[in-house]
Amino acid sequence: MQNSTQNENTTMSTNPDEIRIAVFPCDCGVNIAGVIDIAALAEYAKTLPNVVIADKNLSL
């Protein structure tokens, strides 16, 4: 995946109770990208608890 930014906690977890979140906002047209700054959203998501990866996508 291009431009992915991973935190140091991206390795596989062996703890089934650990919360791990991935955020991939879609930069796919005016419905979303026309209203929200997708790059800023991905950067903000990286600061949230339990987010281990955040990256913007051109489409899903």
Foldseek 3Di string as FASTA:
>chain_A
DPPKDFDPPPDDDPDPPQAADEEEAECEDCVPVVVDVQVVVQVVLVPDPRYGIGDYHPHD
